[in-house]
Every structure is written in C-alpha cells, then in structure tokens.
C-alpha cells in the first residue's frame, strides 16, 4: 500500500464549521512546492482575525530532499493562516 507524501488539513477557527476542499500539487522543483487548494465554499474561510489554519505534514521522506541530500524530517509540520478567499 502506498502512503501519501503529504497530508493537508484545514482547521476552522469556529468549532462547528466544516471546510471542504480538494488540493493538487501544481509545481514541485528542488527548492519549492506549489499547492492549489480548491474550496467547495470559499465563503466559509474566515476573512478576519482569528483565521482558519492550514496544516501540511510531510510524510514522504525520500520525496522531499534538498539538493545537498538533506531530507525533510518525517512527519514535519508547516502551519499557517488560510488567506481570505473571494467567493
């Protein structure tokens, strides 16, 4: 069984809110990774503080390495606020 190299989760600021989305990797080169997120309802994304958060976890260690051969740590997390969306 193959495991996904990335896990992407949106954590809504409001407890009862559900944010449905799909994502795709649109570009991947040695020093950058570009992801496209498509929200089913962009109006559900918080437009002011506090914001919803996005969590990206890197699970595919051999898939993410620098040019000098240093791997991204297995399970490494990146977190940021989700920018406001135009719906």
N, C-alpha and C. Protein backbone atom coordinates (compact mmCIF):
# COMPACT_ATOMS: atom_id res chain seq x y z
N UNK A 1 0.83 -1.16 0.00
CA UNK A 1 0.00 0.00 0.00
C UNK A 1 0.89 1.24 0.00
N UNK A 2 0.57 2.22 -0.84
CA UNK A 2 1.33 3.46 -0.90
C UNK A 2 0.70 4.50 0.03
N UNK A 3 1.54 5.19 0.77
CA UNK A 3 1.07 6.24 1.66
C UNK A 3 1.25 7.58 0.97
N UNK A 4 0.36 8.54 1.21
CA UNK A 4 0.54 9.86 0.60
C UNK A 4 1.77 10.56 1.19
N UNK A 5 2.47 11.31 0.35
CA UNK A 5 3.66 12.01 0.80
C UNK A 5 3.31 13.25 1.61
N UNK A 6 2.11 13.80 1.38
CA UNK A 6 1.65 14.99 2.10
C UNK A 6 0.29 14.74 2.72
N UNK A 7 0.07 15.35 3.87
CA UNK A 7 -1.27 15.39 4.46
C UNK A 7 -1.60 16.86 4.65
N UNK A 8 -2.77 17.28 4.18
CA UNK A 8 -3.18 18.67 4.30
C UNK A 8 -4.50 18.72 5.05
N UNK A 9 -4.53 19.54 6.09
CA UNK A 9 -5.72 19.65 6.94
C UNK A 9 -6.03 21.13 7.14
N UNK A 10 -7.30 21.48 7.07
CA UNK A 10 -7.75 22.83 7.40
C UNK A 10 -8.45 22.74 8.74
N UNK A 11 -8.04 23.58 9.68
CA UNK A 11 -8.68 23.62 10.99
C UNK A 11 -9.45 24.93 11.10
N UNK A 12 -10.78 24.84 11.05
CA UNK A 12 -11.59 26.06 11.14
C UNK A 12 -11.45 26.72 12.51
N UNK A 13 -11.52 28.05 12.52
CA UNK A 13 -11.49 28.76 13.79
C UNK A 13 -12.74 28.44 14.60
N UNK A 14 -13.89 28.36 13.92
CA UNK A 14 -15.14 28.06 14.60
C UNK A 14 -15.33 26.56 14.68
N UNK A 15 -15.67 26.06 15.86
CA UNK A 15 -15.76 24.62 16.11
C UNK A 15 -16.70 23.88 15.18
N UNK A 16 -17.87 24.41 14.91
CA UNK A 16 -18.90 23.69 14.16
C UNK A 16 -18.79 23.86 12.65
N UNK A 17 -17.83 24.63 12.18
CA UNK A 17 -17.70 24.88 10.75
C UNK A 17 -16.91 23.75 10.10
N UNK A 18 -17.37 23.32 8.92
CA UNK A 18 -16.69 22.31 8.13
C UNK A 18 -16.25 22.97 6.83
N UNK A 19 -14.97 22.84 6.50
CA UNK A 19 -14.43 23.43 5.28
C UNK A 19 -13.99 22.29 4.37
N UNK A 20 -14.77 22.07 3.33
CA UNK A 20 -14.44 21.02 2.36
C UNK A 20 -13.53 21.60 1.28
N UNK A 21 -12.54 20.82 0.87
CA UNK A 21 -11.62 21.28 -0.16
C UNK A 21 -10.94 20.10 -0.84
N UNK A 22 -10.42 20.37 -2.01
CA UNK A 22 -9.56 19.44 -2.75
C UNK A 22 -8.24 20.15 -2.96
N UNK A 23 -7.19 19.38 -3.14
CA UNK A 23 -5.89 20.01 -3.40
C UNK A 23 -5.13 19.23 -4.45
N UNK A 24 -4.19 19.94 -5.07
CA UNK A 24 -3.32 19.32 -6.07
C UNK A 24 -1.96 20.01 -6.00
N UNK A 25 -0.92 19.26 -6.28
CA UNK A 25 0.42 19.83 -6.41
C UNK A 25 0.54 20.35 -7.85
N UNK A 26 0.75 21.66 -7.99
CA UNK A 26 0.82 22.26 -9.32
C UNK A 26 2.25 22.44 -9.80
N UNK A 27 3.22 22.42 -8.89
CA UNK A 27 4.62 22.56 -9.27
C UNK A 27 5.50 22.04 -8.13
N UNK A 28 6.52 21.30 -8.50
CA UNK A 28 7.46 20.79 -7.50
C UNK A 28 8.83 20.72 -8.13
N UNK A 29 9.74 21.54 -7.60
CA UNK A 29 11.13 21.51 -8.02
C UNK A 29 11.98 21.42 -6.78
N UNK A 30 13.28 21.40 -6.92
CA UNK A 30 14.17 21.12 -5.79
C UNK A 30 14.03 22.10 -4.63
N UNK A 31 13.61 23.34 -4.90
CA UNK A 31 13.57 24.30 -3.79
C UNK A 31 12.18 24.88 -3.54
N UNK A 32 11.14 24.34 -4.17
CA UNK A 32 9.79 24.85 -3.89
C UNK A 32 8.71 23.82 -4.22
N UNK A 33 7.60 24.02 -3.56
CA UNK A 33 6.44 23.17 -3.73
C UNK A 33 5.23 24.09 -3.80
N UNK A 34 4.45 23.98 -4.87
CA UNK A 34 3.26 24.81 -5.02
C UNK A 34 2.03 23.91 -4.97
N UNK A 35 1.10 24.31 -4.12
CA UNK A 35 -0.14 23.57 -3.97
C UNK A 35 -1.31 24.45 -4.34
N UNK A 36 -2.32 23.87 -4.98
CA UNK A 36 -3.55 24.58 -5.32
C UNK A 36 -4.66 23.97 -4.47
N UNK A 37 -5.31 24.81 -3.67
CA UNK A 37 -6.44 24.36 -2.86
C UNK A 37 -7.71 24.92 -3.48
N UNK A 38 -8.70 24.06 -3.65
CA UNK A 38 -10.00 24.46 -4.19
C UNK A 38 -11.05 24.19 -3.12
N UNK A 39 -11.63 25.27 -2.59
CA UNK A 39 -12.63 25.15 -1.54
C UNK A 39 -14.02 25.01 -2.15
N UNK A 40 -14.80 24.07 -1.64
CA UNK A 40 -16.17 23.89 -2.11
C UNK A 40 -16.97 25.17 -1.92
N UNK A 41 -16.79 25.82 -0.77
CA UNK A 41 -17.47 27.09 -0.49
C UNK A 41 -16.43 28.06 0.08
N UNK A 42 -15.80 28.87 -0.78
CA UNK A 42 -14.75 29.80 -0.32
C UNK A 42 -15.25 30.81 0.72
N UNK A 43 -16.56 31.04 0.76
CA UNK A 43 -17.11 31.99 1.73
C UNK A 43 -17.04 31.47 3.16
N UNK A 44 -16.76 30.19 3.34
CA UNK A 44 -16.61 29.63 4.69
C UNK A 44 -15.26 29.94 5.31
N UNK A 45 -14.32 30.42 4.51
CA UNK A 45 -12.99 30.76 5.04
C UNK A 45 -13.08 32.08 5.79
N UNK A 46 -12.52 32.13 7.00
CA UNK A 46 -12.54 33.36 7.80
C UNK A 46 -11.87 34.49 7.04
N UNK A 47 -12.47 35.65 7.06
CA UNK A 47 -11.92 36.80 6.33
C UNK A 47 -11.27 37.81 7.26
N UNK A 48 -11.33 37.59 8.58
CA UNK A 48 -10.66 38.49 9.52
C UNK A 48 -10.14 37.65 10.68
N UNK A 49 -9.37 38.27 11.56
CA UNK A 49 -8.78 37.55 12.69
C UNK A 49 -9.86 37.18 13.70
N UNK A 50 -9.73 36.03 14.35
CA UNK A 50 -8.76 34.96 14.09
C UNK A 50 -9.12 34.19 12.82
N UNK A 51 -8.11 33.65 12.19
CA UNK A 51 -8.25 32.97 10.90
C UNK A 51 -8.28 31.46 11.07
N UNK A 52 -8.79 30.79 10.04
CA UNK A 52 -8.69 29.34 9.95
C UNK A 52 -7.22 29.00 9.70
N UNK A 53 -6.81 27.80 10.06
CA UNK A 53 -5.41 27.41 9.89
C UNK A 53 -5.28 26.24 8.94
N UNK A 54 -4.15 26.21 8.25
CA UNK A 54 -3.81 25.09 7.38
C UNK A 54 -2.59 24.39 7.97
N UNK A 55 -2.64 23.06 7.97
CA UNK A 55 -1.54 22.23 8.46
C UNK A 55 -1.10 21.34 7.32
N UNK A 56 0.18 21.35 7.01
CA UNK A 56 0.75 20.48 5.99
C UNK A 56 1.79 19.60 6.67
N UNK A 57 1.62 18.29 6.54
CA UNK A 57 2.55 17.34 7.13
C UNK A 57 3.25 16.59 6.01
N UNK A 58 4.58 16.51 6.10
CA UNK A 58 5.40 15.82 5.11
C UNK A 58 5.66 14.40 5.60
N UNK A 59 5.09 13.42 4.89
CA UNK A 59 5.27 12.02 5.25
C UNK A 59 6.21 11.28 4.32
N UNK A 60 6.40 11.77 3.11
CA UNK A 60 7.22 11.06 2.13
C UNK A 60 8.65 11.52 2.15
N UNK A 61 9.41 11.03 3.10
CA UNK A 61 10.78 11.50 3.30
C UNK A 61 11.64 11.44 2.04
N UNK A 62 11.67 10.37 1.28
CA UNK A 62 12.53 10.37 0.09
C UNK A 62 12.03 11.33 -0.99
N UNK A 63 10.75 11.73 -0.89
CA UNK A 63 10.18 12.63 -1.89
C UNK A 63 10.59 14.09 -1.68
N UNK A 64 11.03 14.44 -0.48
CA UNK A 64 11.34 15.82 -0.16
C UNK A 64 12.76 15.93 0.39
N UNK A 65 13.68 16.24 -0.50
CA UNK A 65 15.08 16.36 -0.11
C UNK A 65 15.68 17.58 -0.78
N UNK A 66 16.63 18.20 -0.11
CA UNK A 66 17.32 19.35 -0.69
C UNK A 66 18.36 18.86 -1.70
N UNK A 67 18.93 19.79 -2.44
CA UNK A 67 19.93 19.41 -3.45
C UNK A 67 21.18 18.81 -2.81
N UNK A 68 21.43 19.10 -1.52
CA UNK A 68 22.59 18.50 -0.87
C UNK A 68 22.27 17.16 -0.22
N UNK A 69 21.02 16.66 -0.44
CA UNK A 69 20.66 15.34 0.06
C UNK A 69 20.05 15.33 1.44
N UNK A 70 19.81 16.49 2.05
CA UNK A 70 19.18 16.56 3.36
C UNK A 70 17.68 16.36 3.20
N UNK A 71 17.12 15.41 3.92
CA UNK A 71 15.70 15.11 3.83
C UNK A 71 14.89 15.96 4.79
N UNK A 72 13.66 16.26 4.39
CA UNK A 72 12.71 16.87 5.30
C UNK A 72 12.39 15.81 6.35
N UNK A 73 12.39 16.19 7.61
CA UNK A 73 12.14 15.25 8.69
C UNK A 73 10.77 14.59 8.53
N UNK A 74 10.71 13.28 8.69
CA UNK A 74 9.46 12.52 8.58
C UNK A 74 8.46 13.06 9.59
N UNK A 75 7.28 13.44 9.11
CA UNK A 75 6.25 13.99 9.99
C UNK A 75 6.38 15.48 10.24
N UNK A 76 7.28 16.16 9.50
CA UNK A 76 7.49 17.60 9.67
C UNK A 76 6.21 18.36 9.33
N UNK A 77 5.83 19.33 10.18
CA UNK A 77 4.61 20.10 10.00
C UNK A 77 4.89 21.55 9.67
N UNK A 78 4.09 22.09 8.78
CA UNK A 78 4.09 23.51 8.47
C UNK A 78 2.68 24.01 8.75
N UNK A 79 2.57 25.13 9.45
CA UNK A 79 1.26 25.69 9.81
C UNK A 79 1.23 27.14 9.42
N UNK A 80 0.07 27.57 8.91
CA UNK A 80 -0.11 28.98 8.58
C UNK A 80 -1.60 29.29 8.59
N UNK A 81 -1.91 30.59 8.56
CA UNK A 81 -3.30 31.00 8.45
C UNK A 81 -3.74 30.89 7.00
N UNK A 82 -5.00 30.51 6.79
CA UNK A 82 -5.55 30.44 5.44
C UNK A 82 -5.93 31.87 5.03
N UNK A 83 -5.42 32.34 3.89
CA UNK A 83 -5.78 33.69 3.45
C UNK A 83 -7.27 33.79 3.11
N UNK A 84 -7.82 34.97 3.25
CA UNK A 84 -9.22 35.20 2.87
C UNK A 84 -9.41 34.84 1.40
N UNK A 85 -10.59 34.33 1.07
CA UNK A 85 -10.89 33.88 -0.28
C UNK A 85 -11.97 34.76 -0.91
N UNK A 86 -11.96 34.82 -2.21
CA UNK A 86 -13.01 35.52 -2.95
C UNK A 86 -14.00 34.46 -3.41
N UNK A 87 -15.26 34.60 -3.00
CA UNK A 87 -16.24 33.57 -3.32
C UNK A 87 -17.21 33.95 -4.38
